[in-house]
Amino acid sequence: MSLFSKFFGTNNPASNEGKGDNSNKPTPDINSPLDEQFIYNFKRNGGKFLYCENLNEVNEQFENILAENDWFESEVLCYEPKLYYLLDENKLTYGSSQNPQFLLSTCENLVAEEGSILFSSNQIKQKKPNELPSNIIILAKTSQIIEGKSDGLSAIRRKYLTEYPTNITTIKYFEKAKEEDFTQYGSSAKNLYLLLLEDL
């Protein structure tokens, strides 16, 4: 059994993720493994985390999210053909969506030190975070967790030797601040679900 399933459990309904009091959860220190740091910071930022051991669980959790939010038969923004199968299986419209209910995407990396998601033009084209739908579903792998943003930029340089992507950005805030927080000035909070697939 992996660390994720021991720490967070598997097959938890989407409606139970990212909600409730996290005060009894362990607080990782700087010496904690990157996966623990990422998940702690991601959930602290208001993200909803769903651990998946295989692609069947990804499909199941994706359907749970659709059911929880009543997003069946809605328009979706998705720029990645490798994800179209999830949309086709659930009869979701994509392509020329004028008013998408949510963005379905992968990402470049998951940044542990701040619990953020690192994107490039390969996932979101030239859109700025505030131009994306307020609801986002991300499919990522455990191997994509890195320590800091600089590690993410290095990973992008190694991954794309010739066609370096543009519009590299992170999304960090996944719920509206309960109080005025100057660090969130200019950023728009997203309702974000992370389907994290174990691949290590």
Protein backbone atom coordinates (compact mmCIF):
# COMPACT_ATOMS: atom_id res chain seq x y z
CA MET A 1 0.00 0.00 0.00
CA SER A 2 1.42 3.38 -0.98
CA LEU A 3 2.03 6.34 1.28
CA PHE A 4 -0.95 8.15 -0.26
CA SER A 5 -3.44 5.41 0.52
CA LYS A 6 -2.12 5.09 4.08
CA PHE A 7 -2.16 8.84 4.67
CA PHE A 8 -5.40 9.80 2.91
CA GLY A 9 -7.24 6.60 2.02
CA THR A 10 -8.55 5.62 -1.38
CA ASN A 11 -11.91 5.79 -3.09
CA ASN A 12 -13.14 8.59 -0.89
CA PRO A 13 -16.15 10.32 -2.40
CA ALA A 14 -15.29 13.64 -4.01
CA SER A 15 -17.82 15.39 -1.81
CA ASN A 16 -15.76 14.55 1.28
CA GLU A 17 -12.44 15.76 -0.07
CA GLY A 18 -11.06 19.16 0.75
CA LYS A 19 -13.78 19.85 3.33
CA GLY A 20 -13.91 19.88 7.06
CA ASP A 21 -11.40 20.59 9.78
CA ASN A 22 -7.83 19.64 8.88
CA SER A 23 -6.45 20.54 12.31
CA ASN A 24 -6.02 16.87 13.26
CA LYS A 25 -4.00 16.15 10.09
CA PRO A 26 -0.25 15.96 10.50
CA THR A 27 1.63 19.11 9.55
CA PRO A 28 4.67 18.20 7.45
CA ASP A 29 7.91 20.02 8.15
CA ILE A 30 10.56 20.90 5.59
CA ASN A 31 12.10 17.44 6.03
CA SER A 32 8.86 15.63 5.13
CA PRO A 33 8.68 13.81 1.79
CA LEU A 34 7.67 16.05 -1.12
CA ASP A 35 4.37 14.21 -1.64
CA GLU A 36 3.27 14.93 1.95
CA GLN A 37 4.34 18.57 1.67
CA PHE A 38 2.46 19.03 -1.60
CA ILE A 39 -0.78 17.45 -0.41
CA TYR A 40 -0.76 19.33 2.88
CA ASN A 41 -0.15 22.71 1.18
CA PHE A 42 -2.56 21.96 -1.68
CA LYS A 43 -5.40 21.12 0.71
CA ARG A 44 -4.52 24.13 2.91
CA ASN A 45 -4.98 26.29 -0.21
CA GLY A 46 -8.49 24.87 -0.63
CA GLY A 47 -7.82 22.23 -3.30
CA LYS A 48 -9.75 18.97 -3.43
CA PHE A 49 -7.45 15.97 -3.62
CA LEU A 50 -8.48 12.55 -4.96
CA TYR A 51 -5.86 9.80 -4.96
CA CYS A 52 -6.16 7.16 -7.70
CA GLU A 53 -4.17 3.92 -7.88
CA ASN A 54 -5.06 3.21 -11.53
CA LEU A 55 -6.94 4.57 -14.55
CA ASN A 56 -10.16 2.80 -13.54
CA GLU A 57 -10.16 4.84 -10.32
CA VAL A 58 -9.47 8.00 -12.35
CA ASN A 59 -12.59 7.30 -14.44
CA GLU A 60 -14.65 6.54 -11.34
CA GLN A 61 -13.56 9.67 -9.46
CA PHE A 62 -14.10 11.82 -12.56
CA GLU A 63 -17.69 10.56 -12.73
CA ASN A 64 -18.10 11.24 -8.99
CA ILE A 65 -17.05 14.86 -9.56
CA LEU A 66 -19.50 15.21 -12.45
CA ALA A 67 -22.31 13.78 -10.31
CA GLU A 68 -21.48 15.92 -7.27
CA ASN A 69 -21.61 19.12 -9.33
CA ASP A 70 -24.33 18.08 -11.83
CA TRP A 71 -21.94 18.63 -14.73
CA PHE A 72 -23.24 15.86 -16.99
CA GLU A 73 -24.09 17.03 -20.55
CA SER A 74 -22.27 20.33 -20.03
CA GLU A 75 -19.68 22.20 -22.09
CA VAL A 76 -16.03 21.68 -21.18
CA LEU A 77 -12.80 23.48 -22.05
CA CYS A 78 -10.08 20.94 -22.91
CA TYR A 79 -7.05 21.46 -25.18
CA GLU A 80 -5.51 17.99 -24.82
CA PRO A 81 -6.69 15.20 -27.15
CA LYS A 82 -5.34 12.53 -24.78
CA LEU A 83 -8.10 13.53 -22.31
CA TYR A 84 -10.98 13.51 -24.81
CA TYR A 85 -11.85 9.89 -23.94
CA LEU A 86 -13.02 11.01 -20.47
CA LEU A 87 -15.30 13.59 -22.09
CA ASP A 88 -16.59 11.25 -24.80
CA GLU A 89 -17.42 8.51 -22.27
CA ASN A 90 -19.54 10.99 -20.30
CA LYS A 91 -21.18 12.74 -23.29
CA LEU A 92 -19.58 16.10 -22.53
CA THR A 93 -19.26 18.77 -25.24
CA TYR A 94 -15.83 20.21 -25.99
CA GLY A 95 -14.09 21.94 -28.85
CA SER A 96 -15.85 25.23 -29.45
CA SER A 97 -17.25 25.73 -25.97
CA GLN A 98 -18.58 29.25 -25.52
CA ASN A 99 -19.49 28.92 -21.85
CA PRO A 100 -17.56 25.96 -20.41
CA GLN A 101 -18.59 24.62 -17.03
CA PHE A 102 -15.04 23.50 -16.22
CA LEU A 103 -11.51 23.01 -17.58
CA LEU A 104 -10.19 19.46 -17.87
CA SER A 105 -6.42 19.45 -18.10
CA THR A 106 -3.12 17.88 -17.18
CA CYS A 107 -0.29 20.06 -15.85
CA GLU A 108 3.47 20.38 -16.05
CA ASN A 109 4.19 19.85 -12.36
CA LEU A 110 2.83 19.97 -8.81
CA VAL A 111 4.84 22.36 -6.63
CA ALA A 112 5.25 20.98 -3.11
CA GLU A 113 6.52 24.06 -1.25
CA GLU A 114 3.39 26.08 -2.00
CA GLY A 115 0.82 23.45 -3.02
CA SER A 116 0.34 24.98 -6.46
CA ILE A 117 -0.19 23.63 -9.99
CA LEU A 118 2.29 24.59 -12.72
CA PHE A 119 0.84 24.98 -16.23
CA SER A 120 2.18 25.93 -19.64
CA SER A 121 0.71 26.72 -23.04
CA ASN A 122 0.55 22.96 -23.68
CA GLN A 123 -2.37 22.75 -21.24
CA ILE A 124 -4.02 26.19 -21.27
CA LYS A 125 -2.78 27.78 -24.54
CA GLN A 126 -2.28 31.53 -24.00
CA LYS A 127 -5.04 31.97 -21.42
CA LYS A 128 -4.28 33.70 -18.15
CA PRO A 129 -5.60 32.04 -14.97
CA ASN A 130 -8.43 34.61 -14.64
CA GLU A 131 -9.57 33.73 -18.20
CA LEU A 132 -10.04 30.05 -17.32
CA PRO A 133 -13.33 28.64 -15.99
CA SER A 134 -13.74 28.92 -12.23
CA ASN A 135 -14.00 25.11 -12.01
CA ILE A 136 -10.96 23.01 -12.94
CA ILE A 137 -10.27 19.26 -12.93
CA ILE A 138 -6.59 18.30 -13.19
CA LEU A 139 -5.20 14.86 -13.94
CA ALA A 140 -1.60 14.52 -12.71
CA LYS A 141 0.83 11.78 -11.68
CA THR A 142 2.77 11.39 -8.46
CA SER A 143 6.03 11.59 -10.43
CA GLN A 144 5.15 15.21 -11.31
CA ILE A 145 5.59 16.44 -7.73
CA ILE A 146 8.62 18.73 -7.46
CA GLU A 147 9.97 20.86 -4.63
CA GLY A 148 9.81 24.44 -5.94
CA LYS A 149 8.97 26.53 -8.99
CA SER A 150 12.62 26.63 -10.09
CA ASP A 151 12.60 22.80 -10.18
CA GLY A 152 9.49 23.01 -12.36
CA LEU A 153 11.18 25.37 -14.80
CA SER A 154 14.20 23.06 -14.95
CA ALA A 155 11.93 20.09 -15.62
CA ILE A 156 10.20 21.99 -18.45
CA ARG A 157 13.60 22.80 -20.01
CA ARG A 158 14.61 19.13 -19.88
CA LYS A 159 11.26 17.90 -21.19
CA TYR A 160 10.93 20.29 -24.14
CA LEU A 161 14.33 20.47 -25.79
CA THR A 162 13.20 22.11 -29.04
CA GLU A 163 9.63 23.41 -28.69
CA TYR A 164 9.83 25.28 -25.40
CA PRO A 165 6.29 26.14 -24.19
CA THR A 166 5.16 29.66 -23.46
CA ASN A 167 2.71 31.04 -20.90
CA ILE A 168 4.22 29.21 -17.92
CA THR A 169 2.12 30.02 -14.85
CA THR A 170 0.91 28.57 -11.55
CA ILE A 171 -2.47 28.48 -9.87
CA LYS A 172 -2.26 28.44 -6.11
CA TYR A 173 -5.57 29.62 -4.62
CA PHE A 174 -8.49 27.19 -4.74
CA GLU A 175 -11.00 28.98 -2.55
CA LYS A 176 -11.82 32.56 -1.77
CA ALA A 177 -9.88 33.95 1.16
CA LYS A 178 -11.96 34.12 4.32
CA GLU A 179 -10.34 37.46 5.13
CA GLU A 180 -8.70 40.07 2.94
CA ASP A 181 -5.32 38.64 1.99
CA PHE A 182 -2.96 40.89 0.05
CA THR A 183 -1.07 37.84 -1.28
CA GLN A 184 -4.16 36.90 -3.30
CA TYR A 185 -4.53 40.35 -4.85
CA GLY A 186 -5.04 40.05 -8.60
CA SER A 187 -5.54 36.28 -8.54
CA SER A 188 -8.85 34.56 -9.03
CA ALA A 189 -9.63 31.59 -6.80
CA LYS A 190 -10.51 28.35 -8.58
CA ASN A 191 -12.65 25.42 -7.49
CA LEU A 192 -9.99 22.82 -8.28
CA TYR A 193 -10.10 19.03 -8.14
CA LEU A 194 -6.85 17.08 -8.48
CA LEU A 195 -7.03 13.47 -9.65
CA LEU A 196 -3.58 12.24 -8.61
CA LEU A 197 -2.57 8.97 -10.30
CA GLU A 198 0.04 6.81 -8.61
CA ASP A 199 2.85 6.03 -11.05
CA LEU A 200 5.85 5.48 -8.76
